N, C-alpha and C. Protein backbone atom coordinates (compact mmCIF):
# COMPACT_ATOMS: atom_id res chain seq x y z
N MET A 1 0.84 -1.19 0.00
CA MET A 1 0.00 0.00 0.00
C MET A 1 0.89 1.26 0.00
N GLU A 2 0.49 2.25 -0.74
CA GLU A 2 1.32 3.46 -0.82
C GLU A 2 1.18 4.27 0.47
N ALA A 3 2.18 5.09 0.70
CA ALA A 3 2.19 5.89 1.93
C ALA A 3 1.04 6.88 1.94
N MET A 4 0.43 7.02 3.09
CA MET A 4 -0.66 7.97 3.26
C MET A 4 -0.10 9.27 3.81
N ASP A 5 -0.62 10.36 3.32
CA ASP A 5 -0.31 11.65 3.91
C ASP A 5 -1.38 11.92 4.96
N TYR A 6 -0.97 12.37 6.14
CA TYR A 6 -1.94 12.54 7.22
C TYR A 6 -3.07 13.49 6.84
N LEU A 7 -2.76 14.52 6.05
CA LEU A 7 -3.82 15.48 5.69
C LEU A 7 -4.90 14.82 4.84
N SER A 8 -4.53 13.79 4.07
CA SER A 8 -5.50 13.15 3.19
C SER A 8 -6.49 12.27 3.96
N VAL A 9 -6.18 11.93 5.21
CA VAL A 9 -7.10 11.07 5.97
C VAL A 9 -7.82 11.83 7.09
N ILE A 10 -7.62 13.16 7.13
CA ILE A 10 -8.41 13.95 8.07
C ILE A 10 -9.77 14.18 7.41
N ASP A 11 -10.81 13.67 8.04
CA ASP A 11 -12.16 13.82 7.51
C ASP A 11 -12.75 15.10 8.09
N PRO A 12 -13.04 16.12 7.23
CA PRO A 12 -13.56 17.40 7.74
C PRO A 12 -14.81 17.24 8.61
N SER A 13 -15.62 16.22 8.35
CA SER A 13 -16.82 16.03 9.18
C SER A 13 -16.47 15.51 10.58
N LEU A 14 -15.21 15.13 10.76
CA LEU A 14 -14.76 14.62 12.06
C LEU A 14 -13.88 15.64 12.78
N VAL A 15 -13.92 16.90 12.33
CA VAL A 15 -13.17 17.99 12.95
C VAL A 15 -14.19 18.90 13.62
N GLN A 16 -14.13 18.96 14.95
CA GLN A 16 -15.15 19.70 15.69
C GLN A 16 -14.53 20.52 16.81
N VAL A 17 -15.18 21.63 17.13
CA VAL A 17 -14.75 22.49 18.23
C VAL A 17 -15.84 22.53 19.30
N GLU A 18 -15.46 23.02 20.48
CA GLU A 18 -16.39 23.16 21.61
C GLU A 18 -17.04 21.82 21.98
N VAL A 19 -16.26 20.74 21.90
CA VAL A 19 -16.76 19.42 22.27
C VAL A 19 -16.88 19.37 23.79
N ASP A 20 -18.06 19.02 24.27
CA ASP A 20 -18.32 18.99 25.71
C ASP A 20 -17.99 17.60 26.23
N ALA A 21 -16.86 17.49 26.93
CA ALA A 21 -16.45 16.22 27.52
C ALA A 21 -15.76 16.51 28.85
N ALA A 22 -16.13 15.77 29.89
CA ALA A 22 -15.61 16.04 31.22
C ALA A 22 -14.29 15.33 31.50
N ASP A 23 -14.01 14.25 30.75
CA ASP A 23 -12.80 13.47 31.01
C ASP A 23 -12.44 12.65 29.77
N LYS A 24 -11.33 11.92 29.87
CA LYS A 24 -10.85 11.14 28.73
C LYS A 24 -11.91 10.14 28.26
N GLU A 25 -12.57 9.48 29.21
CA GLU A 25 -13.60 8.50 28.84
C GLU A 25 -14.70 9.15 28.00
N ALA A 26 -15.14 10.34 28.40
CA ALA A 26 -16.18 11.05 27.65
C ALA A 26 -15.67 11.45 26.26
N VAL A 27 -14.39 11.81 26.17
CA VAL A 27 -13.80 12.15 24.87
C VAL A 27 -13.84 10.92 23.97
N PHE A 28 -13.43 9.77 24.49
CA PHE A 28 -13.42 8.54 23.68
C PHE A 28 -14.84 8.15 23.26
N GLN A 29 -15.80 8.29 24.16
CA GLN A 29 -17.19 7.95 23.82
C GLN A 29 -17.73 8.89 22.74
N TYR A 30 -17.45 10.18 22.89
CA TYR A 30 -17.90 11.16 21.90
C TYR A 30 -17.28 10.85 20.54
N ALA A 31 -15.96 10.63 20.54
CA ALA A 31 -15.26 10.36 19.28
C ALA A 31 -15.78 9.09 18.62
N ALA A 32 -15.98 8.05 19.40
CA ALA A 32 -16.45 6.78 18.84
C ALA A 32 -17.84 6.93 18.22
N ARG A 33 -18.71 7.66 18.91
CA ARG A 33 -20.06 7.89 18.37
C ARG A 33 -19.96 8.67 17.05
N LEU A 34 -19.14 9.73 17.04
CA LEU A 34 -18.96 10.54 15.84
C LEU A 34 -18.42 9.68 14.69
N LEU A 35 -17.43 8.86 14.98
CA LEU A 35 -16.84 8.00 13.95
C LEU A 35 -17.86 6.99 13.42
N ARG A 36 -18.66 6.39 14.31
CA ARG A 36 -19.66 5.42 13.85
C ARG A 36 -20.72 6.12 13.00
N GLU A 37 -21.16 7.29 13.44
CA GLU A 37 -22.19 8.04 12.69
C GLU A 37 -21.69 8.44 11.31
N ASN A 38 -20.38 8.54 11.13
CA ASN A 38 -19.81 8.92 9.84
C ASN A 38 -19.27 7.72 9.06
N GLY A 39 -19.68 6.53 9.46
CA GLY A 39 -19.35 5.33 8.70
C GLY A 39 -17.93 4.83 8.85
N VAL A 40 -17.22 5.27 9.90
CA VAL A 40 -15.84 4.85 10.08
C VAL A 40 -15.76 3.57 10.92
N LEU A 41 -16.66 3.45 11.90
CA LEU A 41 -16.60 2.31 12.83
C LEU A 41 -17.79 1.39 12.67
N SER A 42 -17.53 0.10 12.87
CA SER A 42 -18.62 -0.87 12.95
C SER A 42 -19.04 -1.07 14.40
N SER A 43 -18.15 -0.77 15.36
CA SER A 43 -18.47 -0.96 16.78
C SER A 43 -17.78 0.10 17.62
N GLU A 44 -18.57 0.92 18.31
CA GLU A 44 -18.01 1.92 19.21
C GLU A 44 -17.28 1.24 20.37
N GLU A 45 -17.92 0.21 20.93
CA GLU A 45 -17.36 -0.47 22.11
C GLU A 45 -16.01 -1.10 21.80
N GLU A 46 -15.91 -1.78 20.66
CA GLU A 46 -14.65 -2.43 20.30
C GLU A 46 -13.55 -1.40 20.08
N PHE A 47 -13.88 -0.29 19.42
CA PHE A 47 -12.88 0.75 19.17
C PHE A 47 -12.41 1.37 20.48
N ILE A 48 -13.34 1.68 21.40
CA ILE A 48 -12.96 2.27 22.68
C ILE A 48 -12.06 1.30 23.45
N LYS A 49 -12.37 0.01 23.41
CA LYS A 49 -11.54 -0.99 24.07
C LYS A 49 -10.13 -0.96 23.49
N ASP A 50 -10.02 -0.84 22.17
CA ASP A 50 -8.71 -0.80 21.52
C ASP A 50 -7.97 0.51 21.83
N LEU A 51 -8.70 1.61 21.98
CA LEU A 51 -8.05 2.86 22.40
C LEU A 51 -7.43 2.70 23.79
N TYR A 52 -8.18 2.09 24.70
CA TYR A 52 -7.66 1.91 26.06
C TYR A 52 -6.50 0.92 26.09
N LEU A 53 -6.51 -0.09 25.22
CA LEU A 53 -5.37 -1.01 25.14
C LEU A 53 -4.11 -0.23 24.78
N ARG A 54 -4.22 0.69 23.82
CA ARG A 54 -3.08 1.50 23.42
C ARG A 54 -2.68 2.46 24.54
N GLU A 55 -3.66 3.06 25.21
CA GLU A 55 -3.36 3.99 26.31
C GLU A 55 -2.56 3.28 27.41
N ALA A 56 -2.86 2.01 27.64
CA ALA A 56 -2.16 1.25 28.68
C ALA A 56 -0.68 1.04 28.35
N MET A 57 -0.31 1.19 27.09
CA MET A 57 1.07 1.00 26.66
C MET A 57 1.93 2.24 26.87
N GLY A 58 1.31 3.38 27.12
CA GLY A 58 2.07 4.60 27.31
C GLY A 58 1.23 5.82 27.01
N GLN A 59 1.61 6.94 27.59
CA GLN A 59 0.81 8.16 27.46
C GLN A 59 0.74 8.64 26.01
N THR A 60 -0.42 9.19 25.68
CA THR A 60 -0.62 9.76 24.35
C THR A 60 -0.71 11.28 24.40
N GLY A 61 -0.66 11.83 25.61
CA GLY A 61 -0.63 13.29 25.76
C GLY A 61 0.79 13.77 25.51
N ILE A 62 0.97 14.57 24.45
CA ILE A 62 2.34 14.95 24.06
C ILE A 62 2.78 16.27 24.70
N GLY A 63 1.86 16.92 25.42
CA GLY A 63 2.17 18.21 26.02
C GLY A 63 1.59 19.34 25.19
N GLY A 64 1.66 20.53 25.73
CA GLY A 64 1.11 21.69 25.03
C GLY A 64 -0.39 21.64 24.86
N GLY A 65 -1.07 20.84 25.71
CA GLY A 65 -2.53 20.74 25.61
C GLY A 65 -3.03 19.81 24.53
N VAL A 66 -2.12 18.98 23.96
CA VAL A 66 -2.49 18.12 22.83
C VAL A 66 -2.27 16.64 23.18
N ALA A 67 -3.22 15.81 22.77
CA ALA A 67 -3.08 14.35 22.89
C ALA A 67 -3.32 13.73 21.52
N ILE A 68 -2.61 12.62 21.26
CA ILE A 68 -2.78 11.93 19.98
C ILE A 68 -3.10 10.44 20.22
N PRO A 69 -4.28 10.18 20.82
CA PRO A 69 -4.65 8.77 21.03
C PRO A 69 -4.87 8.08 19.69
N HIS A 70 -4.62 6.78 19.68
CA HIS A 70 -4.83 6.04 18.44
C HIS A 70 -5.26 4.62 18.76
N GLY A 71 -6.20 4.17 17.95
CA GLY A 71 -6.69 2.81 18.08
C GLY A 71 -6.57 2.08 16.76
N LYS A 72 -5.82 0.97 16.80
CA LYS A 72 -5.78 0.06 15.65
C LYS A 72 -6.82 -0.99 15.97
N SER A 73 -7.82 -1.11 15.12
CA SER A 73 -8.98 -1.90 15.51
C SER A 73 -9.67 -2.55 14.34
N GLY A 74 -10.15 -3.75 14.57
CA GLY A 74 -10.98 -4.42 13.58
C GLY A 74 -12.31 -3.71 13.37
N ALA A 75 -12.66 -2.82 14.30
CA ALA A 75 -13.91 -2.06 14.17
C ALA A 75 -13.79 -0.89 13.21
N VAL A 76 -12.55 -0.55 12.79
CA VAL A 76 -12.34 0.60 11.91
C VAL A 76 -12.49 0.16 10.45
N GLU A 77 -13.46 0.77 9.77
CA GLU A 77 -13.74 0.44 8.37
C GLU A 77 -12.78 1.14 7.41
N ARG A 78 -12.39 2.37 7.76
CA ARG A 78 -11.43 3.12 6.94
C ARG A 78 -10.60 3.99 7.86
N THR A 79 -9.30 4.02 7.62
CA THR A 79 -8.39 4.79 8.45
C THR A 79 -8.67 6.27 8.29
N CYS A 80 -8.75 6.96 9.41
CA CYS A 80 -8.96 8.41 9.34
C CYS A 80 -8.48 9.06 10.63
N ILE A 81 -8.45 10.37 10.60
CA ILE A 81 -8.07 11.17 11.76
C ILE A 81 -9.22 12.11 12.09
N SER A 82 -9.56 12.17 13.37
CA SER A 82 -10.56 13.10 13.87
C SER A 82 -9.84 14.11 14.77
N ILE A 83 -10.22 15.37 14.68
CA ILE A 83 -9.62 16.40 15.53
C ILE A 83 -10.74 17.03 16.35
N LEU A 84 -10.59 16.97 17.66
CA LEU A 84 -11.59 17.52 18.56
C LEU A 84 -10.95 18.58 19.45
N LYS A 85 -11.53 19.77 19.43
CA LYS A 85 -11.11 20.83 20.35
C LYS A 85 -12.16 20.85 21.45
N LEU A 86 -11.73 20.56 22.67
CA LEU A 86 -12.65 20.44 23.79
C LEU A 86 -13.07 21.81 24.31
N ALA A 87 -14.29 21.87 24.83
CA ALA A 87 -14.81 23.13 25.37
C ALA A 87 -13.96 23.59 26.55
N ARG A 88 -13.43 22.63 27.32
CA ARG A 88 -12.51 22.96 28.41
C ARG A 88 -11.52 21.82 28.57
N PRO A 89 -10.33 22.14 29.08
CA PRO A 89 -9.28 21.12 29.22
C PRO A 89 -9.70 19.98 30.14
N VAL A 90 -9.21 18.78 29.85
CA VAL A 90 -9.49 17.61 30.69
C VAL A 90 -8.16 16.98 31.13
N ALA A 91 -8.21 16.30 32.26
CA ALA A 91 -7.03 15.60 32.76
C ALA A 91 -6.66 14.47 31.80
N TRP A 92 -5.37 14.30 31.59
CA TRP A 92 -4.86 13.28 30.65
C TRP A 92 -3.43 12.98 31.09
N GLU A 93 -2.94 11.80 30.83
CA GLU A 93 -1.53 11.53 31.10
C GLU A 93 -0.73 12.19 29.98
N THR A 94 0.08 13.20 30.35
CA THR A 94 0.80 13.97 29.34
C THR A 94 2.28 14.11 29.69
N ALA A 95 3.06 14.41 28.67
CA ALA A 95 4.51 14.57 28.83
C ALA A 95 4.83 15.74 29.77
N ASP A 96 4.00 16.79 29.76
CA ASP A 96 4.28 17.96 30.59
C ASP A 96 3.40 18.04 31.84
N GLY A 97 2.59 17.01 32.08
CA GLY A 97 1.74 16.98 33.27
C GLY A 97 0.51 17.86 33.19
N GLY A 98 0.33 18.54 32.06
CA GLY A 98 -0.81 19.45 31.91
C GLY A 98 -2.03 18.77 31.33
N PRO A 99 -3.17 19.44 31.38
CA PRO A 99 -4.39 18.89 30.79
C PRO A 99 -4.36 19.00 29.27
N VAL A 100 -5.37 18.39 28.66
CA VAL A 100 -5.48 18.34 27.20
C VAL A 100 -6.74 19.07 26.77
N GLN A 101 -6.60 19.85 25.68
CA GLN A 101 -7.79 20.51 25.11
C GLN A 101 -7.96 20.20 23.63
N VAL A 102 -6.90 19.68 22.98
CA VAL A 102 -7.00 19.30 21.57
C VAL A 102 -6.65 17.82 21.46
N VAL A 103 -7.57 17.06 20.86
CA VAL A 103 -7.36 15.62 20.70
C VAL A 103 -7.31 15.31 19.21
N ILE A 104 -6.16 14.78 18.78
CA ILE A 104 -5.99 14.35 17.39
C ILE A 104 -6.03 12.82 17.43
N LEU A 105 -7.19 12.28 17.09
CA LEU A 105 -7.44 10.86 17.28
C LEU A 105 -7.30 10.09 15.96
N PHE A 106 -6.47 9.08 16.00
CA PHE A 106 -6.25 8.22 14.84
C PHE A 106 -7.12 6.98 14.97
N ALA A 107 -7.95 6.72 13.98
CA ALA A 107 -8.69 5.47 13.89
C ALA A 107 -8.06 4.69 12.74
N VAL A 108 -7.43 3.57 13.06
CA VAL A 108 -6.61 2.85 12.08
C VAL A 108 -7.18 1.46 11.83
N SER A 109 -7.45 1.18 10.57
CA SER A 109 -7.93 -0.16 10.22
C SER A 109 -6.79 -1.16 10.33
N LEU A 110 -7.13 -2.41 10.54
CA LEU A 110 -6.09 -3.44 10.66
C LEU A 110 -5.26 -3.53 9.38
N ALA A 111 -5.87 -3.22 8.24
CA ALA A 111 -5.14 -3.26 6.97
C ALA A 111 -4.04 -2.20 6.91
N ASP A 112 -4.20 -1.12 7.68
CA ASP A 112 -3.24 -0.01 7.63
C ASP A 112 -2.33 0.06 8.86
N LYS A 113 -2.36 -0.96 9.70
CA LYS A 113 -1.61 -0.85 10.97
C LYS A 113 -0.13 -1.15 10.79
N ASN A 114 0.39 -0.79 9.67
CA ASN A 114 1.77 -1.11 9.32
C ASN A 114 2.60 0.17 9.20
N ASP A 115 3.54 0.16 8.30
CA ASP A 115 4.43 1.30 8.12
C ASP A 115 3.70 2.59 7.74
N SER A 116 2.65 2.50 6.94
CA SER A 116 1.98 3.73 6.51
C SER A 116 1.39 4.45 7.71
N PHE A 117 0.85 3.70 8.67
CA PHE A 117 0.31 4.31 9.88
C PHE A 117 1.44 4.97 10.68
N LEU A 118 2.56 4.27 10.82
CA LEU A 118 3.69 4.84 11.57
C LEU A 118 4.22 6.10 10.90
N ARG A 119 4.27 6.11 9.58
CA ARG A 119 4.72 7.31 8.85
C ARG A 119 3.76 8.47 9.09
N MET A 120 2.47 8.15 9.08
CA MET A 120 1.45 9.18 9.31
C MET A 120 1.60 9.77 10.71
N MET A 121 1.80 8.92 11.71
CA MET A 121 2.00 9.38 13.08
C MET A 121 3.24 10.28 13.16
N ALA A 122 4.30 9.86 12.47
CA ALA A 122 5.54 10.64 12.48
C ALA A 122 5.33 12.00 11.82
N GLN A 123 4.55 12.04 10.74
CA GLN A 123 4.25 13.31 10.07
C GLN A 123 3.54 14.26 11.04
N VAL A 124 2.55 13.74 11.76
CA VAL A 124 1.79 14.57 12.69
C VAL A 124 2.70 15.02 13.84
N ALA A 125 3.51 14.11 14.36
CA ALA A 125 4.42 14.46 15.46
C ALA A 125 5.39 15.56 15.04
N ARG A 126 5.93 15.45 13.82
CA ARG A 126 6.84 16.49 13.32
C ARG A 126 6.13 17.83 13.22
N LYS A 127 4.90 17.81 12.71
CA LYS A 127 4.13 19.04 12.58
C LYS A 127 3.87 19.66 13.96
N LEU A 128 3.50 18.83 14.93
CA LEU A 128 3.19 19.33 16.26
C LEU A 128 4.43 19.85 16.99
N ALA A 129 5.60 19.35 16.59
CA ALA A 129 6.85 19.79 17.23
C ALA A 129 7.28 21.17 16.75
N ARG A 130 6.70 21.63 15.63
CA ARG A 130 7.07 22.96 15.12
C ARG A 130 6.60 24.05 16.06
N GLU A 131 7.40 25.07 16.14
CA GLU A 131 7.10 26.21 17.01
C GLU A 131 5.73 26.80 16.69
N GLY A 132 4.90 26.93 17.71
CA GLY A 132 3.63 27.62 17.55
C GLY A 132 2.45 26.78 17.11
N VAL A 133 2.68 25.54 16.67
CA VAL A 133 1.56 24.74 16.15
C VAL A 133 0.57 24.39 17.26
N CYS A 134 1.07 23.93 18.41
CA CYS A 134 0.17 23.60 19.52
C CYS A 134 -0.60 24.83 19.99
N ALA A 135 0.08 25.98 20.00
CA ALA A 135 -0.59 27.23 20.40
C ALA A 135 -1.70 27.59 19.42
N LYS A 136 -1.44 27.38 18.10
CA LYS A 136 -2.47 27.67 17.09
C LYS A 136 -3.67 26.74 17.28
N LEU A 137 -3.39 25.47 17.57
CA LEU A 137 -4.48 24.53 17.81
C LEU A 137 -5.29 24.96 19.04
N ALA A 138 -4.59 25.35 20.10
CA ALA A 138 -5.27 25.77 21.33
C ALA A 138 -6.12 27.01 21.11
N ALA A 139 -5.69 27.89 20.21
CA ALA A 139 -6.41 29.14 19.96
C ALA A 139 -7.53 28.98 18.92
N ALA A 140 -7.56 27.85 18.23
CA ALA A 140 -8.54 27.65 17.15
C ALA A 140 -9.97 27.75 17.67
N ARG A 141 -10.80 28.45 16.91
CA ARG A 141 -12.20 28.61 17.29
C ARG A 141 -13.16 27.97 16.30
N SER A 142 -12.60 27.37 15.24
CA SER A 142 -13.45 26.73 14.22
C SER A 142 -12.72 25.51 13.67
N PRO A 143 -13.47 24.59 13.06
CA PRO A 143 -12.82 23.45 12.41
C PRO A 143 -11.79 23.90 11.37
N ARG A 144 -12.09 24.96 10.63
CA ARG A 144 -11.17 25.45 9.61
C ARG A 144 -9.84 25.88 10.24
N GLU A 145 -9.92 26.57 11.39
CA GLU A 145 -8.69 27.01 12.07
C GLU A 145 -7.88 25.82 12.57
N LEU A 146 -8.55 24.76 13.03
CA LEU A 146 -7.84 23.55 13.44
C LEU A 146 -7.09 22.95 12.25
N LEU A 147 -7.79 22.83 11.13
CA LEU A 147 -7.18 22.26 9.93
C LEU A 147 -6.02 23.14 9.43
N ASP A 148 -6.22 24.46 9.45
CA ASP A 148 -5.15 25.37 9.01
C ASP A 148 -3.90 25.22 9.88
N ALA A 149 -4.09 25.03 11.18
CA ALA A 149 -2.96 24.90 12.10
C ALA A 149 -2.13 23.66 11.78
N LEU A 150 -2.78 22.63 11.26
CA LEU A 150 -2.07 21.38 10.94
C LEU A 150 -1.59 21.30 9.50
N SER A 151 -2.01 22.23 8.68
CA SER A 151 -1.64 22.16 7.25
C SER A 151 -0.24 22.69 7.01
């Protein structure tokens, strides 16, 4: 399979701001429902279970108010990225000990859980490491601004 560019798998219908979630569990439930409603998931429960399996392997909060949880799951029909800007920060295990307000969630099909997925994660990590990108995400007030910050 050819390499995927992370921007090509961000589904604009899965980019939302002012998401009301009190904690990580609520974020995962909201994201799973959104993904299922948009034809990405066959099972919310299975995907959430796979997200937590990955979370148990190590923190996905990279600091700067951003987390990049990812689930490789048989419940994922097509690999995509959802970006959620939360209405208020939530507690998360993060590199800097701070809360998270922007969640860049990877839903990865088993067919894509190989090098292309790792390259996509690396592309996003490189982008987030650039000066000012996390701040732009934190300041975003619309889905367009979130997408622009990552472009």
